[in-house]
Amino acid sequence: MAAILIGAVVLVVVIATLVLAARSSGKGLERVARCRSGHLFSSFVIPGASFKAVRLGRQRFGRCPVGRHWTLYGWVDPASLTPEQLAEARAHRDSNLP
């Protein structure tokens, strides 16, 4: 019982540390991505963890929520997008996480 409690506490501390690191890095927890077909969507990101995609260098292999297909995608600088593109990306999320 004590081992389970210690494991849970360690898990909470690790997740809290990753969330705080993401917020302090200026990149935040939500990033904008573009798939190879050009679809824009937003993704919830925890630095150092990959739950929804396979990392392949700077690219990720995962599911595009816009085209509903498996593809390679990469991060996009939001400053390079128009307000309409940014709104489109935020309207399509790859998960139901916050």
N, C-alpha and C. Protein backbone atom coordinates (compact mmCIF):
# COMPACT_ATOMS: atom_id res chain seq x y z
N MET A 1 0.82 -1.20 0.00
CA MET A 1 0.00 0.00 0.00
C MET A 1 0.87 1.26 0.00
N ALA A 2 1.92 1.24 0.82
CA ALA A 2 2.81 2.40 0.90
C ALA A 2 3.54 2.63 -0.42
N ALA A 3 3.89 1.54 -1.11
CA ALA A 3 4.59 1.67 -2.39
C ALA A 3 3.70 2.32 -3.44
N ILE A 4 2.42 1.99 -3.42
CA ILE A 4 1.47 2.59 -4.37
C ILE A 4 1.32 4.07 -4.08
N LEU A 5 1.24 4.43 -2.81
CA LEU A 5 1.11 5.83 -2.42
C LEU A 5 2.36 6.62 -2.83
N ILE A 6 3.52 6.05 -2.60
CA ILE A 6 4.77 6.73 -2.97
C ILE A 6 4.84 6.89 -4.49
N GLY A 7 4.45 5.85 -5.23
CA GLY A 7 4.44 5.92 -6.70
C GLY A 7 3.50 7.00 -7.20
N ALA A 8 2.33 7.11 -6.58
CA ALA A 8 1.36 8.14 -6.98
C ALA A 8 1.90 9.54 -6.71
N VAL A 9 2.54 9.71 -5.56
CA VAL A 9 3.11 11.02 -5.22
C VAL A 9 4.21 11.39 -6.20
N VAL A 10 5.07 10.43 -6.53
CA VAL A 10 6.16 10.69 -7.48
C VAL A 10 5.57 11.07 -8.84
N LEU A 11 4.55 10.37 -9.29
CA LEU A 11 3.91 10.67 -10.56
C LEU A 11 3.33 12.08 -10.58
N VAL A 12 2.66 12.48 -9.52
CA VAL A 12 2.09 13.83 -9.43
C VAL A 12 3.19 14.88 -9.47
N VAL A 13 4.28 14.64 -8.76
CA VAL A 13 5.39 15.60 -8.74
C VAL A 13 6.01 15.73 -10.13
N VAL A 14 6.20 14.61 -10.83
CA VAL A 14 6.78 14.64 -12.17
C VAL A 14 5.87 15.41 -13.13
N ILE A 15 4.59 15.12 -13.11
CA ILE A 15 3.65 15.82 -13.99
C ILE A 15 3.60 17.30 -13.68
N ALA A 16 3.57 17.66 -12.40
CA ALA A 16 3.55 19.07 -12.01
C ALA A 16 4.81 19.78 -12.48
N THR A 17 5.95 19.11 -12.37
CA THR A 17 7.21 19.69 -12.82
C THR A 17 7.20 19.93 -14.32
N LEU A 18 6.70 18.97 -15.08
CA LEU A 18 6.63 19.13 -16.53
C LEU A 18 5.68 20.26 -16.93
N VAL A 19 4.55 20.35 -16.26
CA VAL A 19 3.59 21.42 -16.56
C VAL A 19 4.19 22.78 -16.25
N LEU A 20 4.83 22.91 -15.11
CA LEU A 20 5.47 24.19 -14.75
C LEU A 20 6.59 24.54 -15.72
N ALA A 21 7.35 23.54 -16.15
CA ALA A 21 8.42 23.80 -17.11
C ALA A 21 7.85 24.29 -18.44
N ALA A 22 6.74 23.71 -18.86
CA ALA A 22 6.11 24.12 -20.11
C ALA A 22 5.61 25.55 -20.02
N ARG A 23 5.00 25.89 -18.90
CA ARG A 23 4.47 27.25 -18.75
C ARG A 23 5.58 28.28 -18.67
N SER A 24 6.69 27.93 -18.01
CA SER A 24 7.77 28.89 -17.86
C SER A 24 8.62 29.01 -19.12
N SER A 25 8.55 28.02 -20.01
CA SER A 25 9.36 28.07 -21.24
C SER A 25 8.79 29.05 -22.25
N GLY A 26 7.56 29.50 -22.04
CA GLY A 26 6.94 30.44 -22.97
C GLY A 26 6.21 29.75 -24.11
N LYS A 27 6.41 28.45 -24.27
CA LYS A 27 5.75 27.72 -25.35
C LYS A 27 4.35 27.28 -24.94
N GLY A 28 4.11 27.22 -23.66
CA GLY A 28 2.79 26.83 -23.18
C GLY A 28 2.54 25.35 -23.34
N LEU A 29 1.34 24.96 -23.06
CA LEU A 29 0.96 23.55 -23.14
C LEU A 29 0.22 23.23 -24.42
N GLU A 30 -0.23 24.25 -25.13
CA GLU A 30 -0.93 24.02 -26.39
C GLU A 30 -0.09 24.57 -27.53
N ARG A 31 0.19 23.70 -28.51
CA ARG A 31 1.00 24.11 -29.65
C ARG A 31 0.20 23.93 -30.92
N VAL A 32 0.53 24.70 -31.95
CA VAL A 32 -0.13 24.60 -33.24
C VAL A 32 0.72 23.68 -34.13
N ALA A 33 0.03 22.78 -34.83
CA ALA A 33 0.71 21.83 -35.70
C ALA A 33 0.11 21.88 -37.10
N ARG A 34 0.93 21.45 -38.08
CA ARG A 34 0.47 21.35 -39.46
C ARG A 34 0.86 19.97 -39.98
N CYS A 35 -0.14 19.24 -40.52
CA CYS A 35 0.15 17.92 -41.06
C CYS A 35 0.68 18.07 -42.49
N ARG A 36 1.13 16.97 -43.06
CA ARG A 36 1.69 17.00 -44.41
C ARG A 36 0.67 17.39 -45.48
N SER A 37 -0.61 17.25 -45.16
CA SER A 37 -1.65 17.67 -46.10
C SER A 37 -1.99 19.15 -45.96
N GLY A 38 -1.36 19.82 -44.99
CA GLY A 38 -1.58 21.25 -44.79
C GLY A 38 -2.63 21.61 -43.76
N HIS A 39 -3.23 20.61 -43.13
CA HIS A 39 -4.25 20.89 -42.12
C HIS A 39 -3.60 21.46 -40.86
N LEU A 40 -4.23 22.46 -40.27
CA LEU A 40 -3.77 23.06 -39.03
C LEU A 40 -4.63 22.57 -37.88
N PHE A 41 -3.99 22.26 -36.75
CA PHE A 41 -4.71 21.86 -35.55
C PHE A 41 -3.87 22.18 -34.33
N SER A 42 -4.49 22.12 -33.16
CA SER A 42 -3.74 22.38 -31.93
C SER A 42 -3.57 21.07 -31.17
N SER A 43 -2.50 21.03 -30.39
CA SER A 43 -2.16 19.82 -29.66
C SER A 43 -1.72 20.18 -28.25
N PHE A 44 -2.17 19.41 -27.29
CA PHE A 44 -1.76 19.55 -25.90
C PHE A 44 -0.40 18.88 -25.76
N VAL A 45 0.59 19.61 -25.24
CA VAL A 45 1.96 19.12 -25.19
C VAL A 45 2.49 19.12 -23.76
N ILE A 46 3.09 18.01 -23.38
CA ILE A 46 3.85 17.93 -22.13
C ILE A 46 5.30 17.71 -22.52
N PRO A 47 6.21 18.64 -22.20
CA PRO A 47 7.60 18.50 -22.61
C PRO A 47 8.21 17.19 -22.10
N GLY A 48 8.91 16.52 -22.98
CA GLY A 48 9.57 15.27 -22.60
C GLY A 48 8.68 14.05 -22.64
N ALA A 49 7.41 14.22 -22.95
CA ALA A 49 6.48 13.09 -23.00
C ALA A 49 5.80 13.06 -24.36
N SER A 50 5.43 11.88 -24.78
CA SER A 50 4.75 11.73 -26.05
C SER A 50 3.71 10.62 -25.90
N PHE A 51 2.45 11.02 -25.70
CA PHE A 51 1.38 10.07 -25.46
C PHE A 51 0.55 9.78 -26.71
N LYS A 52 0.50 10.73 -27.65
CA LYS A 52 -0.41 10.61 -28.79
C LYS A 52 0.30 10.43 -30.11
N ALA A 53 1.62 10.52 -30.12
CA ALA A 53 2.35 10.46 -31.38
C ALA A 53 3.72 9.84 -31.16
N VAL A 54 4.31 9.41 -32.25
CA VAL A 54 5.66 8.87 -32.23
C VAL A 54 6.60 9.96 -32.73
N ARG A 55 7.61 10.26 -31.95
CA ARG A 55 8.57 11.30 -32.35
C ARG A 55 9.54 10.75 -33.38
N LEU A 56 9.75 11.53 -34.42
CA LEU A 56 10.71 11.20 -35.46
C LEU A 56 11.53 12.44 -35.74
N GLY A 57 12.48 12.72 -34.86
CA GLY A 57 13.26 13.95 -34.97
C GLY A 57 12.38 15.14 -34.64
N ARG A 58 12.30 16.11 -35.56
CA ARG A 58 11.47 17.29 -35.34
C ARG A 58 10.02 17.05 -35.75
N GLN A 59 9.74 15.95 -36.38
CA GLN A 59 8.39 15.60 -36.82
C GLN A 59 7.75 14.63 -35.84
N ARG A 60 6.46 14.50 -35.93
CA ARG A 60 5.70 13.53 -35.15
C ARG A 60 4.87 12.71 -36.12
N PHE A 61 4.63 11.46 -35.78
CA PHE A 61 3.70 10.64 -36.55
C PHE A 61 2.50 10.40 -35.67
N GLY A 62 1.36 10.89 -36.11
CA GLY A 62 0.14 10.77 -35.32
C GLY A 62 -1.09 11.02 -36.16
N ARG A 63 -2.20 11.12 -35.49
CA ARG A 63 -3.49 11.28 -36.18
C ARG A 63 -3.82 12.76 -36.34
N CYS A 64 -4.18 13.15 -37.56
CA CYS A 64 -4.63 14.51 -37.85
C CYS A 64 -6.13 14.57 -37.58
N PRO A 65 -6.56 15.44 -36.66
CA PRO A 65 -7.99 15.51 -36.35
C PRO A 65 -8.82 16.20 -37.43
N VAL A 66 -8.18 16.92 -38.33
CA VAL A 66 -8.92 17.62 -39.38
C VAL A 66 -9.26 16.65 -40.51
N GLY A 67 -8.23 16.00 -41.06
CA GLY A 67 -8.44 15.06 -42.16
C GLY A 67 -8.73 13.65 -41.70
N ARG A 68 -8.63 13.42 -40.39
CA ARG A 68 -8.86 12.10 -39.80
C ARG A 68 -8.03 11.02 -40.49
N HIS A 69 -6.72 11.32 -40.60
CA HIS A 69 -5.79 10.38 -41.21
C HIS A 69 -4.50 10.35 -40.39
N TRP A 70 -3.73 9.30 -40.56
CA TRP A 70 -2.43 9.18 -39.89
C TRP A 70 -1.39 9.82 -40.78
N THR A 71 -0.53 10.65 -40.19
CA THR A 71 0.39 11.43 -40.99
C THR A 71 1.56 11.94 -40.15
N LEU A 72 2.54 12.50 -40.81
CA LEU A 72 3.60 13.24 -40.14
C LEU A 72 3.13 14.67 -39.94
N TYR A 73 3.47 15.25 -38.80
CA TYR A 73 3.16 16.67 -38.58
C TYR A 73 4.27 17.32 -37.79
N GLY A 74 4.30 18.63 -37.86
CA GLY A 74 5.32 19.41 -37.15
C GLY A 74 4.71 20.65 -36.54
N TRP A 75 5.47 21.25 -35.63
CA TRP A 75 4.99 22.46 -34.94
C TRP A 75 5.13 23.66 -35.85
N VAL A 76 4.21 24.59 -35.68
CA VAL A 76 4.19 25.83 -36.47
C VAL A 76 4.28 27.00 -35.50
N ASP A 77 5.05 28.01 -35.88
CA ASP A 77 5.13 29.22 -35.07
C ASP A 77 3.83 30.00 -35.25
N PRO A 78 3.07 30.21 -34.17
CA PRO A 78 1.79 30.92 -34.30
C PRO A 78 1.93 32.33 -34.86
N ALA A 79 3.10 32.94 -34.68
CA ALA A 79 3.31 34.30 -35.20
C ALA A 79 3.33 34.32 -36.73
N SER A 80 3.59 33.16 -37.35
CA SER A 80 3.64 33.10 -38.81
C SER A 80 2.27 32.86 -39.44
N LEU A 81 1.24 32.70 -38.61
CA LEU A 81 -0.10 32.41 -39.10
C LEU A 81 -0.98 33.66 -39.06
N THR A 82 -1.95 33.68 -39.96
CA THR A 82 -2.94 34.76 -39.93
C THR A 82 -3.92 34.48 -38.78
N PRO A 83 -4.66 35.48 -38.35
CA PRO A 83 -5.65 35.24 -37.29
C PRO A 83 -6.67 34.16 -37.68
N GLU A 84 -7.03 34.10 -38.97
CA GLU A 84 -7.98 33.08 -39.42
C GLU A 84 -7.38 31.68 -39.31
N GLN A 85 -6.10 31.54 -39.70
CA GLN A 85 -5.44 30.24 -39.60
C GLN A 85 -5.30 29.81 -38.14
N LEU A 86 -4.97 30.76 -37.28
CA LEU A 86 -4.83 30.45 -35.87
C LEU A 86 -6.17 30.02 -35.27
N ALA A 87 -7.24 30.69 -35.66
CA ALA A 87 -8.58 30.30 -35.19
C ALA A 87 -8.94 28.90 -35.70
N GLU A 88 -8.58 28.61 -36.94
CA GLU A 88 -8.83 27.28 -37.50
C GLU A 88 -8.08 26.21 -36.71
N ALA A 89 -6.82 26.48 -36.40
CA ALA A 89 -6.01 25.52 -35.64
C ALA A 89 -6.60 25.28 -34.26
N ARG A 90 -7.04 26.33 -33.62
CA ARG A 90 -7.60 26.19 -32.27
C ARG A 90 -8.97 25.53 -32.26
N ALA A 91 -9.65 25.56 -33.41
CA ALA A 91 -10.96 24.92 -33.51
C ALA A 91 -10.84 23.40 -33.64
N HIS A 92 -9.65 22.94 -34.04
CA HIS A 92 -9.41 21.49 -34.22
C HIS A 92 -8.34 21.04 -33.25
N ARG A 93 -8.74 20.27 -32.26
CA ARG A 93 -7.79 19.76 -31.26
C ARG A 93 -7.59 18.28 -31.48
N ASP A 94 -6.37 17.81 -31.20
CA ASP A 94 -6.11 16.39 -31.42
C ASP A 94 -6.51 15.53 -30.22
N SER A 95 -7.00 16.15 -29.15
CA SER A 95 -7.47 15.38 -28.00
C SER A 95 -8.45 16.23 -27.20
N ASN A 96 -9.09 15.60 -26.24
CA ASN A 96 -10.02 16.32 -25.40
C ASN A 96 -9.38 16.82 -24.10
N LEU A 97 -8.06 16.76 -24.04
CA LEU A 97 -7.37 17.28 -22.86
C LEU A 97 -7.51 18.78 -22.83
N PRO A 98 -7.31 19.39 -21.67
CA PRO A 98 -7.51 20.85 -21.57
C PRO A 98 -6.69 21.66 -22.52
